[in-house]
Amino acid sequence: MSAMPLVLLSLFIALPLCEIALFILVGGQIGVLATIAIVVLTAIAGATLVRRQGLATLQRARADFDAGRIPAGPMAEGLAILFAGVLLLTPGFLTDAIGFALLIPALRARLVTAVGGWLVRHAIVIGPDGMMQRAADRRSGARYGPDIIELDACEIDDTDRTGAGNGQPRAPSPWRERKG
């Protein structure tokens, strides 16, 4: 098992446990109703901020598109804002903190740059000619052709020796080279 599924599994288990612990701690300090009110108010405030920043990002993307540029930056920021919205609508103090942090433009820009750098180092691009290339290798020109196929094969005899059939020869395989 690679590292990424283990990280995701750990987050899937640890995040709800942390949220439950924070609910218990905060609820014990300020009471259940105040805790619920805070969660609802942060969701409303977060939705408002996400809407405002999302619309501003959409306008920047349209401006880039109208100018003939690919709106990669605004699209990446839009995904970060969408993720922030999901986190802010999820009940919990930790998810709210991460969601609000993603709505800080400078922090969001650094995160988008970091994730973009990771993608450039790890992504594989398939060009219009069908050639595969790591995004990081595009400058060096290293390419991987579509004619490389990895497989396991074994040769099968033309007669049925398993006893399951009638013992007659099988029809020739279209994959076998014909002799003569």
C-alpha atoms as a PDB file:
ATOM      1  CA  MET A   1       0.000   0.000   0.000  1.00  0.00           C
ATOM      2  CA  SER A   2       1.441   3.369  -0.959  1.00  0.00           C
ATOM      3  CA  ALA A   3       1.692   6.357   1.343  1.00  0.00           C
ATOM      4  CA  MET A   4      -1.209   8.397  -0.079  1.00  0.00           C
ATOM      5  CA  PRO A   5      -3.999   5.941   0.841  1.00  0.00           C
ATOM      6  CA  LEU A   6      -2.530   5.617   4.349  1.00  0.00           C
ATOM      7  CA  VAL A   7      -2.497   9.395   4.759  1.00  0.00           C
ATOM      8  CA  LEU A   8      -6.097   9.648   3.556  1.00  0.00           C
ATOM      9  CA  LEU A   9      -7.194   6.801   5.845  1.00  0.00           C
ATOM     10  CA  SER A  10      -5.457   8.461   8.798  1.00  0.00           C
ATOM     11  CA  LEU A  11      -7.184  11.775   8.041  1.00  0.00           C
ATOM     12  CA  PHE A  12     -10.524  10.018   7.626  1.00  0.00           C
ATOM     13  CA  ILE A  13     -10.161   8.549  11.113  1.00  0.00           C
ATOM     14  CA  ALA A  14      -8.320  11.354  12.926  1.00  0.00           C
ATOM     15  CA  LEU A  15     -10.341  14.343  11.723  1.00  0.00           C
ATOM     16  CA  PRO A  16     -13.716  13.235  13.131  1.00  0.00           C
ATOM     17  CA  LEU A  17     -12.061  12.195  16.404  1.00  0.00           C
ATOM     18  CA  CYS A  18     -10.456  15.637  16.732  1.00  0.00           C
ATOM     19  CA  GLU A  19     -13.763  17.339  15.936  1.00  0.00           C
ATOM     20  CA  ILE A  20     -15.591  15.274  18.570  1.00  0.00           C
ATOM     21  CA  ALA A  21     -12.914  16.075  21.151  1.00  0.00           C
ATOM     22  CA  LEU A  22     -13.147  19.806  20.342  1.00  0.00           C
ATOM     23  CA  PHE A  23     -16.961  19.728  20.584  1.00  0.00           C
ATOM     24  CA  ILE A  24     -16.706  18.135  24.019  1.00  0.00           C
ATOM     25  CA  LEU A  25     -14.064  20.610  25.230  1.00  0.00           C
ATOM     26  CA  VAL A  26     -15.802  23.724  23.903  1.00  0.00           C
ATOM     27  CA  GLY A  27     -19.253  22.501  24.933  1.00  0.00           C
ATOM     28  CA  GLY A  28     -17.959  21.881  28.449  1.00  0.00           C
ATOM     29  CA  GLN A  29     -16.612  25.433  28.638  1.00  0.00           C
ATOM     30  CA  ILE A  30     -19.408  27.495  27.065  1.00  0.00           C
ATOM     31  CA  GLY A  31     -22.378  25.106  26.975  1.00  0.00           C
ATOM     32  CA  VAL A  32     -24.128  23.083  24.301  1.00  0.00           C
ATOM     33  CA  LEU A  33     -26.366  25.828  22.888  1.00  0.00           C
ATOM     34  CA  ALA A  34     -23.504  28.323  22.559  1.00  0.00           C
ATOM     35  CA  THR A  35     -21.394  25.657  20.843  1.00  0.00           C
ATOM     36  CA  ILE A  36     -24.164  24.896  18.354  1.00  0.00           C
ATOM     37  CA  ALA A  37     -24.693  28.619  17.746  1.00  0.00           C
ATOM     38  CA  ILE A  38     -21.000  29.091  16.968  1.00  0.00           C
ATOM     39  CA  VAL A  39     -21.037  26.199  14.507  1.00  0.00           C
ATOM     40  CA  VAL A  40     -24.128  27.578  12.728  1.00  0.00           C
ATOM     41  CA  LEU A  41     -22.772  31.140  12.645  1.00  0.00           C
ATOM     42  CA  THR A  42     -19.404  30.052  11.231  1.00  0.00           C
ATOM     43  CA  ALA A  43     -21.221  28.105   8.507  1.00  0.00           C
ATOM     44  CA  ILE A  44     -23.277  31.194   7.575  1.00  0.00           C
ATOM     45  CA  ALA A  45     -20.263  33.520   7.672  1.00  0.00           C
ATOM     46  CA  GLY A  46     -18.183  31.016   5.712  1.00  0.00           C
ATOM     47  CA  ALA A  47     -20.854  30.596   3.031  1.00  0.00           C
ATOM     48  CA  THR A  48     -21.038  34.376   2.631  1.00  0.00           C
ATOM     49  CA  LEU A  49     -17.257  34.724   2.293  1.00  0.00           C
ATOM     50  CA  VAL A  50     -17.049  31.769  -0.097  1.00  0.00           C
ATOM     51  CA  ARG A  51     -19.749  33.278  -2.296  1.00  0.00           C
ATOM     52  CA  ARG A  52     -18.063  36.692  -2.384  1.00  0.00           C
ATOM     53  CA  GLN A  53     -14.571  35.359  -3.069  1.00  0.00           C
ATOM     54  CA  GLY A  54     -15.875  32.783  -5.528  1.00  0.00           C
ATOM     55  CA  LEU A  55     -17.631  35.443  -7.594  1.00  0.00           C
ATOM     56  CA  ALA A  56     -14.487  37.620  -7.595  1.00  0.00           C
ATOM     57  CA  THR A  57     -12.433  34.640  -8.757  1.00  0.00           C
ATOM     58  CA  LEU A  58     -14.980  33.884 -11.469  1.00  0.00           C
ATOM     59  CA  GLN A  59     -14.675  37.461 -12.717  1.00  0.00           C
ATOM     60  CA  ARG A  60     -10.862  37.128 -12.864  1.00  0.00           C
ATOM     61  CA  ALA A  61     -11.235  33.858 -14.793  1.00  0.00           C
ATOM     62  CA  ARG A  62     -13.615  35.519 -17.286  1.00  0.00           C
ATOM     63  CA  ALA A  63     -11.190  38.438 -17.715  1.00  0.00           C
ATOM     64  CA  ASP A  64      -8.318  36.025 -18.430  1.00  0.00           C
ATOM     65  CA  PHE A  65     -10.492  34.063 -20.852  1.00  0.00           C
ATOM     66  CA  ASP A  66     -11.623  37.220 -22.650  1.00  0.00           C
ATOM     67  CA  ALA A  67      -7.981  38.317 -22.946  1.00  0.00           C
ATOM     68  CA  GLY A  68      -7.129  34.992 -24.608  1.00  0.00           C
ATOM     69  CA  ARG A  69      -5.260  33.567 -21.627  1.00  0.00           C
ATOM     70  CA  ILE A  70      -5.926  30.241 -19.948  1.00  0.00           C
ATOM     71  CA  PRO A  71      -7.380  31.088 -16.515  1.00  0.00           C
ATOM     72  CA  ALA A  72      -5.281  28.462 -14.686  1.00  0.00           C
ATOM     73  CA  GLY A  73      -4.624  30.628 -11.617  1.00  0.00           C
ATOM     74  CA  PRO A  74      -8.246  31.645 -11.045  1.00  0.00           C
ATOM     75  CA  MET A  75      -9.386  28.069 -11.681  1.00  0.00           C
ATOM     76  CA  ALA A  76      -6.974  26.707  -9.077  1.00  0.00           C
ATOM     77  CA  GLU A  77      -8.035  29.390  -6.607  1.00  0.00           C
ATOM     78  CA  GLY A  78     -11.658  28.564  -7.359  1.00  0.00           C
ATOM     79  CA  LEU A  79     -11.033  24.932  -6.425  1.00  0.00           C
ATOM     80  CA  ALA A  80      -9.393  26.042  -3.170  1.00  0.00           C
ATOM     81  CA  ILE A  81     -12.380  28.293  -2.420  1.00  0.00           C
ATOM     82  CA  LEU A  82     -14.770  25.427  -3.182  1.00  0.00           C
ATOM     83  CA  PHE A  83     -12.823  23.176  -0.808  1.00  0.00           C
ATOM     84  CA  ALA A  84     -12.955  25.935   1.823  1.00  0.00           C
ATOM     85  CA  GLY A  85     -16.728  26.096   1.389  1.00  0.00           C
ATOM     86  CA  VAL A  86     -17.073  22.349   1.902  1.00  0.00           C
ATOM     87  CA  LEU A  87     -14.968  22.566   5.058  1.00  0.00           C
ATOM     88  CA  LEU A  88     -16.939  25.540   6.391  1.00  0.00           C
ATOM     89  CA  LEU A  89     -20.265  23.803   5.844  1.00  0.00           C
ATOM     90  CA  THR A  90     -18.984  20.687   7.629  1.00  0.00           C
ATOM     91  CA  PRO A  91     -19.791  21.011  11.339  1.00  0.00           C
ATOM     92  CA  GLY A  92     -16.665  21.333  13.425  1.00  0.00           C
ATOM     93  CA  PHE A  93     -14.102  23.746  14.752  1.00  0.00           C
ATOM     94  CA  LEU A  94     -11.049  22.237  13.071  1.00  0.00           C
ATOM     95  CA  THR A  95     -12.680  22.119   9.626  1.00  0.00           C
ATOM     96  CA  ASP A  96     -13.882  25.707  10.124  1.00  0.00           C
ATOM     97  CA  ALA A  97     -10.350  26.841  11.008  1.00  0.00           C
ATOM     98  CA  ILE A  98      -8.902  25.191   7.890  1.00  0.00           C
ATOM     99  CA  GLY A  99     -11.766  26.553   5.747  1.00  0.00           C
ATOM    100  CA  PHE A 100     -11.302  30.110   6.999  1.00  0.00           C
ATOM    101  CA  ALA A 101      -7.524  29.808   6.496  1.00  0.00           C
ATOM    102  CA  LEU A 102      -8.154  28.906   2.843  1.00  0.00           C
ATOM    103  CA  LEU A 103     -10.153  32.113   2.464  1.00  0.00           C
ATOM    104  CA  ILE A 104      -7.094  34.224   3.312  1.00  0.00           C
ATOM    105  CA  PRO A 105      -5.864  35.202  -0.180  1.00  0.00           C
ATOM    106  CA  ALA A 106      -2.108  35.134   0.599  1.00  0.00           C
ATOM    107  CA  LEU A 107      -2.319  31.731   2.286  1.00  0.00           C
ATOM    108  CA  ARG A 108      -4.530  30.359  -0.475  1.00  0.00           C
ATOM    109  CA  ALA A 109      -2.066  31.578  -3.139  1.00  0.00           C
ATOM    110  CA  ARG A 110       0.829  29.827  -1.355  1.00  0.00           C
ATOM    111  CA  LEU A 111      -1.193  26.612  -1.107  1.00  0.00           C
ATOM    112  CA  VAL A 112      -2.176  26.755  -4.793  1.00  0.00           C
ATOM    113  CA  THR A 113       1.496  27.279  -5.713  1.00  0.00           C
ATOM    114  CA  ALA A 114       2.601  24.352  -3.535  1.00  0.00           C
ATOM    115  CA  VAL A 115      -0.067  21.991  -4.885  1.00  0.00           C
ATOM    116  CA  GLY A 116       0.684  23.142  -8.443  1.00  0.00           C
ATOM    117  CA  GLY A 117       4.382  22.417  -7.914  1.00  0.00           C
ATOM    118  CA  TRP A 118       3.555  18.943  -6.607  1.00  0.00           C
ATOM    119  CA  LEU A 119       1.364  18.278  -9.642  1.00  0.00           C
ATOM    120  CA  VAL A 120       4.102  19.413 -12.027  1.00  0.00           C
ATOM    121  CA  ARG A 121       6.521  16.977 -10.393  1.00  0.00           C
ATOM    122  CA  HIS A 122       4.096  14.028 -10.384  1.00  0.00           C
ATOM    123  CA  ALA A 123       1.539  14.450 -13.171  1.00  0.00           C
ATOM    124  CA  ILE A 124       1.683  12.677 -16.520  1.00  0.00           C
ATOM    125  CA  VAL A 125       0.552  14.627 -19.584  1.00  0.00           C
ATOM    126  CA  ILE A 126      -0.744  12.940 -22.721  1.00  0.00           C
ATOM    127  CA  GLY A 127      -0.233  15.151 -25.738  1.00  0.00           C
ATOM    128  CA  PRO A 128      -2.340  15.356 -28.886  1.00  0.00           C
ATOM    129  CA  ASP A 129       0.088  12.937 -30.565  1.00  0.00           C
ATOM    130  CA  GLY A 130      -0.671  10.289 -27.912  1.00  0.00           C
ATOM    131  CA  MET A 131       2.766  10.560 -26.364  1.00  0.00           C
ATOM    132  CA  MET A 132       2.959  10.505 -22.589  1.00  0.00           C
ATOM    133  CA  GLN A 133       5.268  12.839 -20.749  1.00  0.00           C
ATOM    134  CA  ARG A 134       5.794  13.757 -17.129  1.00  0.00           C
ATOM    135  CA  ALA A 135       4.901  17.389 -16.642  1.00  0.00           C
ATOM    136  CA  ALA A 136       8.294  17.941 -14.983  1.00  0.00           C
ATOM    137  CA  ASP A 137      10.075  16.456 -18.054  1.00  0.00           C
ATOM    138  CA  ARG A 138       8.406  18.735 -20.597  1.00  0.00           C
ATOM    139  CA  ARG A 139      11.407  21.068 -20.680  1.00  0.00           C
ATOM    140  CA  SER A 140      13.922  18.239 -21.123  1.00  0.00           C
ATOM    141  CA  GLY A 141      11.863  16.598 -23.868  1.00  0.00           C
ATOM    142  CA  ALA A 142      11.778  13.125 -22.293  1.00  0.00           C
ATOM    143  CA  ARG A 143       8.787  11.276 -23.714  1.00  0.00           C
ATOM    144  CA  TYR A 144       7.180   7.909 -23.250  1.00  0.00           C
ATOM    145  CA  GLY A 145       5.544   6.407 -26.321  1.00  0.00           C
ATOM    146  CA  PRO A 146       2.148   4.726 -26.510  1.00  0.00           C
ATOM    147  CA  ASP A 147       3.798   1.681 -28.122  1.00  0.00           C
ATOM    148  CA  ILE A 148       5.194   0.428 -24.796  1.00  0.00           C
ATOM    149  CA  ILE A 149       2.795  -2.117 -23.342  1.00  0.00           C
ATOM    150  CA  GLU A 150       3.510  -4.190 -20.253  1.00  0.00           C
ATOM    151  CA  LEU A 151       1.813  -7.569 -20.036  1.00  0.00           C
ATOM    152  CA  ASP A 152       2.174 -11.167 -18.932  1.00  0.00           C
ATOM    153  CA  ALA A 153       1.637 -13.861 -21.540  1.00  0.00           C
ATOM    154  CA  CYS A 154       1.758 -17.611 -21.863  1.00  0.00           C
ATOM    155  CA  GLU A 155       1.445 -19.846 -24.923  1.00  0.00           C
ATOM    156  CA  ILE A 156      -1.583 -22.133 -25.087  1.00  0.00           C
ATOM    157  CA  ASP A 157      -1.462 -25.429 -26.967  1.00  0.00           C
ATOM    158  CA  ASP A 158      -3.922 -25.795 -29.868  1.00  0.00           C
ATOM    159  CA  THR A 159      -5.451 -28.994 -28.491  1.00  0.00           C
ATOM    160  CA  ASP A 160      -7.650 -29.132 -25.433  1.00  0.00           C
ATOM    161  CA  ARG A 161      -5.786 -31.256 -22.897  1.00  0.00           C
ATOM    162  CA  THR A 162      -7.811 -30.272 -19.851  1.00  0.00           C
ATOM    163  CA  GLY A 163     -10.447 -32.919 -20.423  1.00  0.00           C
ATOM    164  CA  ALA A 164     -13.169 -30.285 -20.270  1.00  0.00           C
ATOM    165  CA  GLY A 165     -13.693 -30.249 -24.044  1.00  0.00           C
ATOM    166  CA  ASN A 166     -14.174 -32.887 -26.688  1.00  0.00           C
ATOM    167  CA  GLY A 167     -10.472 -33.371 -27.498  1.00  0.00           C
ATOM    168  CA  GLN A 168     -10.779 -31.713 -30.906  1.00  0.00           C
ATOM    169  CA  PRO A 169      -8.265 -29.050 -31.957  1.00  0.00           C
ATOM    170  CA  ARG A 170      -9.282 -25.500 -31.169  1.00  0.00           C
ATOM    171  CA  ALA A 171      -9.665 -22.848 -33.826  1.00  0.00           C
ATOM    172  CA  PRO A 172      -6.350 -21.089 -34.482  1.00  0.00           C
ATOM    173  CA  SER A 173      -5.769 -17.995 -32.408  1.00  0.00           C
ATOM    174  CA  PRO A 174      -5.732 -14.708 -34.320  1.00  0.00           C
ATOM    175  CA  TRP A 175      -2.817 -13.677 -32.087  1.00  0.00           C
ATOM    176  CA  ARG A 176      -0.518 -16.540 -33.034  1.00  0.00           C
ATOM    177  CA  GLU A 177       1.855 -16.178 -35.951  1.00  0.00           C
ATOM    178  CA  ARG A 178       0.845 -18.435 -38.809  1.00  0.00           C
ATOM    179  CA  LYS A 179       3.492 -20.619 -40.331  1.00  0.00           C
ATOM    180  CA  GLY A 180       3.754 -21.048 -44.064  1.00  0.00           C
END
